[in-house]
C-alpha atoms as a PDB file:
ATOM      1  CA  UNK A   1      90.929  95.622  77.962  1.00  0.00           C
ATOM      2  CA  UNK A   2      92.743  94.042  80.447  1.00  0.00           C
ATOM      3  CA  UNK A   3      96.540  92.785  79.959  1.00  0.00           C
ATOM      4  CA  UNK A   4      97.753  91.193  83.110  1.00  0.00           C
ATOM      5  CA  UNK A   5      96.464  89.526  86.297  1.00  0.00           C
ATOM      6  CA  UNK A   6      97.925  90.308  89.809  1.00  0.00           C
ATOM      7  CA  UNK A   7      97.500  87.149  92.164  1.00  0.00           C
ATOM      8  CA  UNK A   8      97.243  88.337  95.678  1.00  0.00           C
ATOM      9  CA  UNK A   9      98.928  86.178  98.271  1.00  0.00           C
ATOM     10  CA  UNK A  10      95.749  84.073  99.140  1.00  0.00           C
ATOM     11  CA  UNK A  11      95.824  83.026  95.226  1.00  0.00           C
ATOM     12  CA  UNK A  12      93.096  85.387  94.245  1.00  0.00           C
ATOM     13  CA  UNK A  13      93.358  86.741  90.920  1.00  0.00           C
ATOM     14  CA  UNK A  14      92.648  90.171  90.412  1.00  0.00           C
ATOM     15  CA  UNK A  15      92.398  91.700  86.627  1.00  0.00           C
ATOM     16  CA  UNK A  16      93.678  94.861  86.033  1.00  0.00           C
ATOM     17  CA  UNK A  17      94.106  97.488  83.104  1.00  0.00           C
ATOM     18  CA  UNK A  18      97.158  98.493  81.431  1.00  0.00           C
ATOM     19  CA  UNK A  19      99.284 100.690  83.577  1.00  0.00           C
ATOM     20  CA  UNK A  20      97.610 100.021  86.781  1.00  0.00           C
ATOM     21  CA  UNK A  21      97.530  98.102  89.860  1.00  0.00           C
ATOM     22  CA  UNK A  22      94.736  96.596  92.068  1.00  0.00           C
ATOM     23  CA  UNK A  23      94.767  98.946  95.540  1.00  0.00           C
ATOM     24  CA  UNK A  24      97.810 101.151  93.763  1.00  0.00           C
ATOM     25  CA  UNK A  25      98.805 104.250  95.148  1.00  0.00           C
ATOM     26  CA  UNK A  26      97.166 107.411  94.950  1.00  0.00           C
ATOM     27  CA  UNK A  27      99.628 109.845  92.666  1.00  0.00           C
ATOM     28  CA  UNK A  28     100.295 112.518  95.652  1.00  0.00           C
ATOM     29  CA  UNK A  29     102.226 109.150  97.301  1.00  0.00           C
ATOM     30  CA  UNK A  30     104.642 109.045  94.438  1.00  0.00           C
ATOM     31  CA  UNK A  31     105.654 112.757  94.540  1.00  0.00           C
ATOM     32  CA  UNK A  32     109.674 112.886  93.872  1.00  0.00           C
ATOM     33  CA  UNK A  33     110.062 109.339  92.645  1.00  0.00           C
ATOM     34  CA  UNK A  34     110.111 109.464  88.660  1.00  0.00           C
ATOM     35  CA  UNK A  35     113.804 108.732  88.702  1.00  0.00           C
ATOM     36  CA  UNK A  36     113.718 106.139  91.205  1.00  0.00           C
ATOM     37  CA  UNK A  37     110.557 104.518  89.317  1.00  0.00           C
ATOM     38  CA  UNK A  38     113.050 105.310  85.789  1.00  0.00           C
ATOM     39  CA  UNK A  39     115.570 102.970  87.427  1.00  0.00           C
ATOM     40  CA  UNK A  40     113.547 100.376  89.053  1.00  0.00           C
ATOM     41  CA  UNK A  41     112.062  99.815  85.626  1.00  0.00           C
ATOM     42  CA  UNK A  42     115.366  99.716  84.135  1.00  0.00           C
ATOM     43  CA  UNK A  43     116.298  96.843  86.475  1.00  0.00           C
ATOM     44  CA  UNK A  44     113.288  94.877  85.849  1.00  0.00           C
ATOM     45  CA  UNK A  45     114.138  94.868  82.089  1.00  0.00           C
ATOM     46  CA  UNK A  46     117.700  93.533  82.517  1.00  0.00           C
ATOM     47  CA  UNK A  47     117.966  91.515  86.013  1.00  0.00           C
ATOM     48  CA  UNK A  48     115.939  88.179  87.025  1.00  0.00           C
ATOM     49  CA  UNK A  49     116.477  89.188  90.297  1.00  0.00           C
ATOM     50  CA  UNK A  50     115.786  92.512  91.666  1.00  0.00           C
ATOM     51  CA  UNK A  51     115.552  93.637  95.422  1.00  0.00           C
ATOM     52  CA  UNK A  52     113.949  96.932  96.606  1.00  0.00           C
ATOM     53  CA  UNK A  53     115.459  97.806 100.082  1.00  0.00           C
ATOM     54  CA  UNK A  54     114.834 100.656 102.260  1.00  0.00           C
ATOM     55  CA  UNK A  55     114.202 102.294 105.542  1.00  0.00           C
ATOM     56  CA  UNK A  56     110.482 101.080 106.891  1.00  0.00           C
ATOM     57  CA  UNK A  57     108.120 104.171 105.780  1.00  0.00           C
ATOM     58  CA  UNK A  58     110.220 105.233 102.675  1.00  0.00           C
ATOM     59  CA  UNK A  59     107.626 103.916 100.224  1.00  0.00           C
ATOM     60  CA  UNK A  60     109.105 100.555  98.654  1.00  0.00           C
ATOM     61  CA  UNK A  61     105.739  98.922  98.421  1.00  0.00           C
ATOM     62  CA  UNK A  62     104.155 101.582  96.693  1.00  0.00           C
ATOM     63  CA  UNK A  63     106.866 102.049  94.034  1.00  0.00           C
ATOM     64  CA  UNK A  64     107.060  98.748  93.343  1.00  0.00           C
ATOM     65  CA  UNK A  65     103.108  98.922  92.654  1.00  0.00           C
ATOM     66  CA  UNK A  66     103.638 101.633  90.541  1.00  0.00           C
ATOM     67  CA  UNK A  67     106.291  99.091  88.423  1.00  0.00           C
ATOM     68  CA  UNK A  68     104.644  96.698  88.603  1.00  0.00           C
ATOM     69  CA  UNK A  69     101.060  98.137  86.852  1.00  0.00           C
ATOM     70  CA  UNK A  70     103.798  99.500  84.065  1.00  0.00           C
ATOM     71  CA  UNK A  71     105.510  96.407  82.749  1.00  0.00           C
ATOM     72  CA  UNK A  72     104.570  94.654  79.779  1.00  0.00           C
ATOM     73  CA  UNK A  73     104.044  91.297  81.488  1.00  0.00           C
ATOM     74  CA  UNK A  74     102.145  89.011  83.804  1.00  0.00           C
ATOM     75  CA  UNK A  75     102.820  89.911  87.279  1.00  0.00           C
ATOM     76  CA  UNK A  76     101.858  87.929  90.791  1.00  0.00           C
ATOM     77  CA  UNK A  77     102.123  89.686  93.870  1.00  0.00           C
ATOM     78  CA  UNK A  78     102.632  88.138  97.229  1.00  0.00           C
ATOM     79  CA  UNK A  79     102.394  89.939 100.256  1.00  0.00           C
ATOM     80  CA  UNK A  80     104.192  87.978 102.914  1.00  0.00           C
ATOM     81  CA  UNK A  81     103.602  89.907 106.336  1.00  0.00           C
ATOM     82  CA  UNK A  82     101.318  86.956 107.779  1.00  0.00           C
ATOM     83  CA  UNK A  83     103.589  83.841 106.230  1.00  0.00           C
ATOM     84  CA  UNK A  84     105.353  81.962 108.691  1.00  0.00           C
ATOM     85  CA  UNK A  85     108.740  80.002 107.357  1.00  0.00           C
ATOM     86  CA  UNK A  86     107.127  76.746 107.545  1.00  0.00           C
ATOM     87  CA  UNK A  87     104.490  77.899 105.053  1.00  0.00           C
ATOM     88  CA  UNK A  88     107.363  78.511 102.029  1.00  0.00           C
ATOM     89  CA  UNK A  89     107.273  75.398 100.812  1.00  0.00           C
ATOM     90  CA  UNK A  90     103.515  75.219  99.860  1.00  0.00           C
ATOM     91  CA  UNK A  91     103.639  79.104  98.551  1.00  0.00           C
ATOM     92  CA  UNK A  92     106.602  77.751  96.709  1.00  0.00           C
ATOM     93  CA  UNK A  93     104.683  74.461  94.713  1.00  0.00           C
ATOM     94  CA  UNK A  94     101.634  77.375  94.348  1.00  0.00           C
ATOM     95  CA  UNK A  95     103.843  79.668  92.416  1.00  0.00           C
ATOM     96  CA  UNK A  96     105.450  76.833  90.493  1.00  0.00           C
ATOM     97  CA  UNK A  97     102.283  75.375  89.449  1.00  0.00           C
ATOM     98  CA  UNK A  98     100.933  79.147  88.629  1.00  0.00           C
ATOM     99  CA  UNK A  99     103.860  79.667  86.561  1.00  0.00           C
ATOM    100  CA  UNK A 100     104.194  76.581  84.388  1.00  0.00           C
ATOM    101  CA  UNK A 101     104.583  77.669  80.423  1.00  0.00           C
ATOM    102  CA  UNK A 102     104.334  81.369  81.584  1.00  0.00           C
ATOM    103  CA  UNK A 103     106.440  83.407  79.162  1.00  0.00           C
ATOM    104  CA  UNK A 104     108.608  86.238  81.324  1.00  0.00           C
ATOM    105  CA  UNK A 105     106.284  86.959  84.575  1.00  0.00           C
ATOM    106  CA  UNK A 106     107.125  89.119  87.274  1.00  0.00           C
ATOM    107  CA  UNK A 107     106.727  88.024  90.853  1.00  0.00           C
ATOM    108  CA  UNK A 108     106.849  90.942  93.613  1.00  0.00           C
ATOM    109  CA  UNK A 109     107.514  89.284  97.219  1.00  0.00           C
ATOM    110  CA  UNK A 110     106.710  92.023  99.710  1.00  0.00           C
ATOM    111  CA  UNK A 111     107.689  92.276 103.428  1.00  0.00           C
ATOM    112  CA  UNK A 112     109.868  88.867 103.790  1.00  0.00           C
ATOM    113  CA  UNK A 113     112.230  89.926 105.963  1.00  0.00           C
ATOM    114  CA  UNK A 114     111.196  88.184 109.170  1.00  0.00           C
ATOM    115  CA  UNK A 115     110.967  85.014 107.147  1.00  0.00           C
ATOM    116  CA  UNK A 116     115.008  85.186 106.908  1.00  0.00           C
ATOM    117  CA  UNK A 117     116.750  82.536 105.092  1.00  0.00           C
ATOM    118  CA  UNK A 118     113.966  80.364 104.277  1.00  0.00           C
ATOM    119  CA  UNK A 119     112.414  83.076 102.348  1.00  0.00           C
ATOM    120  CA  UNK A 120     116.274  83.752 100.392  1.00  0.00           C
ATOM    121  CA  UNK A 121     115.936  79.843  99.757  1.00  0.00           C
ATOM    122  CA  UNK A 122     112.376  80.339  98.205  1.00  0.00           C
ATOM    123  CA  UNK A 123     113.662  82.904  95.814  1.00  0.00           C
ATOM    124  CA  UNK A 124     116.785  80.963  94.988  1.00  0.00           C
ATOM    125  CA  UNK A 125     114.469  77.495  94.059  1.00  0.00           C
ATOM    126  CA  UNK A 126     112.027  79.310  91.821  1.00  0.00           C
ATOM    127  CA  UNK A 127     114.674  80.902  89.469  1.00  0.00           C
ATOM    128  CA  UNK A 128     116.272  77.703  89.429  1.00  0.00           C
ATOM    129  CA  UNK A 129     113.030  75.949  88.279  1.00  0.00           C
ATOM    130  CA  UNK A 130     111.696  78.969  86.487  1.00  0.00           C
ATOM    131  CA  UNK A 131     113.891  80.438  84.074  1.00  0.00           C
ATOM    132  CA  UNK A 132     111.734  82.636  82.626  1.00  0.00           C
ATOM    133  CA  UNK A 133     110.606  84.042  85.825  1.00  0.00           C
ATOM    134  CA  UNK A 134     111.632  87.647  87.182  1.00  0.00           C
ATOM    135  CA  UNK A 135     111.584  88.237  90.851  1.00  0.00           C
ATOM    136  CA  UNK A 136     111.298  91.749  92.549  1.00  0.00           C
ATOM    137  CA  UNK A 137     112.045  91.306  96.259  1.00  0.00           C
ATOM    138  CA  UNK A 138     110.576  94.011  98.282  1.00  0.00           C
ATOM    139  CA  UNK A 139     112.526  94.111 101.913  1.00  0.00           C
ATOM    140  CA  UNK A 140     114.752  96.372 104.326  1.00  0.00           C
ATOM    141  CA  UNK A 141     117.686  93.941 103.322  1.00  0.00           C
ATOM    142  CA  UNK A 142     118.914  92.288 100.083  1.00  0.00           C
ATOM    143  CA  UNK A 143     118.945  88.772  99.661  1.00  0.00           C
ATOM    144  CA  UNK A 144     122.544  88.142  98.879  1.00  0.00           C
ATOM    145  CA  UNK A 145     122.104  85.394  96.117  1.00  0.00           C
ATOM    146  CA  UNK A 146     124.354  85.688  93.089  1.00  0.00           C
ATOM    147  CA  UNK A 147     123.028  88.034  90.484  1.00  0.00           C
ATOM    148  CA  UNK A 148     120.874  90.382  92.408  1.00  0.00           C
ATOM    149  CA  UNK A 149     120.135  94.259  91.677  1.00  0.00           C
ATOM    150  CA  UNK A 150     119.977  95.773  94.383  1.00  0.00           C
ATOM    151  CA  UNK A 151     117.977  99.369  94.606  1.00  0.00           C
ATOM    152  CA  UNK A 152     118.018 101.448  97.713  1.00  0.00           C
ATOM    153  CA  UNK A 153     115.113 103.658  97.917  1.00  0.00           C
ATOM    154  CA  UNK A 154     116.131 106.722  99.883  1.00  0.00           C
ATOM    155  CA  UNK A 155     114.476 109.338 101.841  1.00  0.00           C
ATOM    156  CA  UNK A 156     112.796 112.169  99.699  1.00  0.00           C
ATOM    157  CA  UNK A 157     114.896 115.000  99.868  1.00  0.00           C
ATOM    158  CA  UNK A 158     114.069 117.618 102.372  1.00  0.00           C
ATOM    159  CA  UNK A 159     116.153 120.629 100.931  1.00  0.00           C
ATOM    160  CA  UNK A 160     115.592 122.411  97.488  1.00  0.00           C
ATOM    161  CA  UNK A 161     118.044 121.561  94.873  1.00  0.00           C
ATOM    162  CA  UNK A 162     120.219 124.595  94.083  1.00  0.00           C
ATOM    163  CA  UNK A 163     118.651 126.688  91.150  1.00  0.00           C
ATOM    164  CA  UNK A 164     115.642 124.221  90.678  1.00  0.00           C
ATOM    165  CA  UNK A 165     113.326 126.929  92.062  1.00  0.00           C
ATOM    166  CA  UNK A 166     110.918 124.303  93.140  1.00  0.00           C
ATOM    167  CA  UNK A 167     110.402 123.306  97.027  1.00  0.00           C
ATOM    168  CA  UNK A 168     111.934 120.294  98.283  1.00  0.00           C
ATOM    169  CA  UNK A 169     110.985 116.567  97.416  1.00  0.00           C
ATOM    170  CA  UNK A 170     109.616 116.495 100.809  1.00  0.00           C
ATOM    171  CA  UNK A 171     108.060 119.652 100.898  1.00  0.00           C
ATOM    172  CA  UNK A 172     106.075 119.037  97.259  1.00  0.00           C
ATOM    173  CA  UNK A 173     104.911 115.822  99.068  1.00  0.00           C
ATOM    174  CA  UNK A 174     103.341 117.839 101.846  1.00  0.00           C
ATOM    175  CA  UNK A 175     101.974 120.122  99.560  1.00  0.00           C
ATOM    176  CA  UNK A 176     100.226 117.116  97.572  1.00  0.00           C
ATOM    177  CA  UNK A 177      98.792 115.716 100.951  1.00  0.00           C
ATOM    178  CA  UNK A 178      97.705 119.049 102.715  1.00  0.00           C
ATOM    179  CA  UNK A 179      97.355 121.286  99.790  1.00  0.00           C
ATOM    180  CA  UNK A 180      99.067 124.358  99.213  1.00  0.00           C
ATOM    181  CA  UNK A 181      96.916 126.716 101.398  1.00  0.00           C
ATOM    182  CA  UNK A 182      97.000 124.614 104.153  1.00  0.00           C
ATOM    183  CA  UNK A 183     101.201 124.698 103.790  1.00  0.00           C
ATOM    184  CA  UNK A 184     101.210 128.479 102.919  1.00  0.00           C
ATOM    185  CA  UNK A 185      99.299 129.019 106.286  1.00  0.00           C
ATOM    186  CA  UNK A 186     102.672 127.838 108.063  1.00  0.00           C
ATOM    187  CA  UNK A 187     105.481 127.274 105.613  1.00  0.00           C
ATOM    188  CA  UNK A 188     108.037 127.319 108.500  1.00  0.00           C
ATOM    189  CA  UNK A 189     105.879 124.918 110.268  1.00  0.00           C
ATOM    190  CA  UNK A 190     105.673 122.418 107.063  1.00  0.00           C
ATOM    191  CA  UNK A 191     109.583 122.570 106.569  1.00  0.00           C
ATOM    192  CA  UNK A 192     110.003 121.675 110.302  1.00  0.00           C
ATOM    193  CA  UNK A 193     107.784 118.494 109.667  1.00  0.00           C
ATOM    194  CA  UNK A 194     109.852 116.992 106.303  1.00  0.00           C
ATOM    195  CA  UNK A 195     112.899 117.494 108.755  1.00  0.00           C
ATOM    196  CA  UNK A 196     111.578 116.136 111.854  1.00  0.00           C
ATOM    197  CA  UNK A 197     110.667 113.146 109.629  1.00  0.00           C
ATOM    198  CA  UNK A 198     113.822 113.033 107.540  1.00  0.00           C
ATOM    199  CA  UNK A 199     112.270 112.868 104.310  1.00  0.00           C
ATOM    200  CA  UNK A 200     110.674 109.481 105.094  1.00  0.00           C
ATOM    201  CA  UNK A 201     107.177 109.597 103.522  1.00  0.00           C
ATOM    202  CA  UNK A 202     105.230 106.969 105.797  1.00  0.00           C
ATOM    203  CA  UNK A 203     105.700 108.851 108.907  1.00  0.00           C
ATOM    204  CA  UNK A 204     105.328 112.323 107.102  1.00  0.00           C
ATOM    205  CA  UNK A 205     102.033 111.726 105.470  1.00  0.00           C
ATOM    206  CA  UNK A 206     100.894 109.819 109.052  1.00  0.00           C
ATOM    207  CA  UNK A 207     101.715 113.680 110.617  1.00  0.00           C
ATOM    208  CA  UNK A 208     100.585 115.599 107.562  1.00  0.00           C
ATOM    209  CA  UNK A 209      97.121 113.561 107.630  1.00  0.00           C
ATOM    210  CA  UNK A 210      96.888 114.123 111.533  1.00  0.00           C
ATOM    211  CA  UNK A 211      97.023 117.599 111.094  1.00  0.00           C
ATOM    212  CA  UNK A 212     100.303 118.157 112.530  1.00  0.00           C
ATOM    213  CA  UNK A 213     102.135 120.426 110.181  1.00  0.00           C
ATOM    214  CA  UNK A 214     101.518 123.673 112.188  1.00  0.00           C
ATOM    215  CA  UNK A 215     102.877 122.150 115.558  1.00  0.00           C
ATOM    216  CA  UNK A 216     106.183 120.000 114.163  1.00  0.00           C
ATOM    217  CA  UNK A 217     108.042 121.167 116.931  1.00  0.00           C
ATOM    218  CA  UNK A 218     105.730 119.064 119.389  1.00  0.00           C
ATOM    219  CA  UNK A 219     106.394 115.470 117.250  1.00  0.00           C
ATOM    220  CA  UNK A 220     108.819 113.164 119.897  1.00  0.00           C
ATOM    221  CA  UNK A 221     110.628 110.297 119.306  1.00  0.00           C
ATOM    222  CA  UNK A 222     107.422 108.033 120.251  1.00  0.00           C
ATOM    223  CA  UNK A 223     105.421 109.603 117.886  1.00  0.00           C
ATOM    224  CA  UNK A 224     108.040 109.270 114.902  1.00  0.00           C
ATOM    225  CA  UNK A 225     108.384 105.688 115.818  1.00  0.00           C
ATOM    226  CA  UNK A 226     104.829 104.743 116.045  1.00  0.00           C
ATOM    227  CA  UNK A 227     103.804 106.549 112.516  1.00  0.00           C
ATOM    228  CA  UNK A 228     106.919 104.684 110.859  1.00  0.00           C
ATOM    229  CA  UNK A 229     105.385 101.259 111.902  1.00  0.00           C
END
């Protein structure tokens, strides 16, 4: 039985089952994010505007999708990567029509940094016109609007917590992607790979999937920049 509908940037509706989103990340990509997920859900329950910020590749979109899949409300997802500022008035009109009469809907605006002040103005106007609406902005920088709850998503830890007895979060992610056997064949290379990418999941996963765990020292700045895009 479905409980919510996700609406993509094109306006297409995608129905989902409870606690699941369309195109949701697999579990391995959420390694080490349990506390972050819990914190984000609390913010979404207590603030009307939440901005999830962080470095490129740190996993903002993946975390936002997981959170959106766990809220008990209607969710609309707008991926703004291909939007231009002049398109936003039309987007706003569509969203106002979509949310008219809706009870406590959640709007997720992903990848809006390139839209600058036009995106901030859109968020402000939607919150003013739709008092039931909650907005989750996924961006590198906050909107700087009154009442905004800003959550900075940090890279995964590259060193194990003292006394924890478990590998670092970054190494746990690498094990989830490569498998224990692959990491155990070259634990030093795996640790160097985690440090090389500073625990940022995007480039770390890119390198891991390319099979570079055994040659972490060969990864240079150019490869790191390319993987983070």
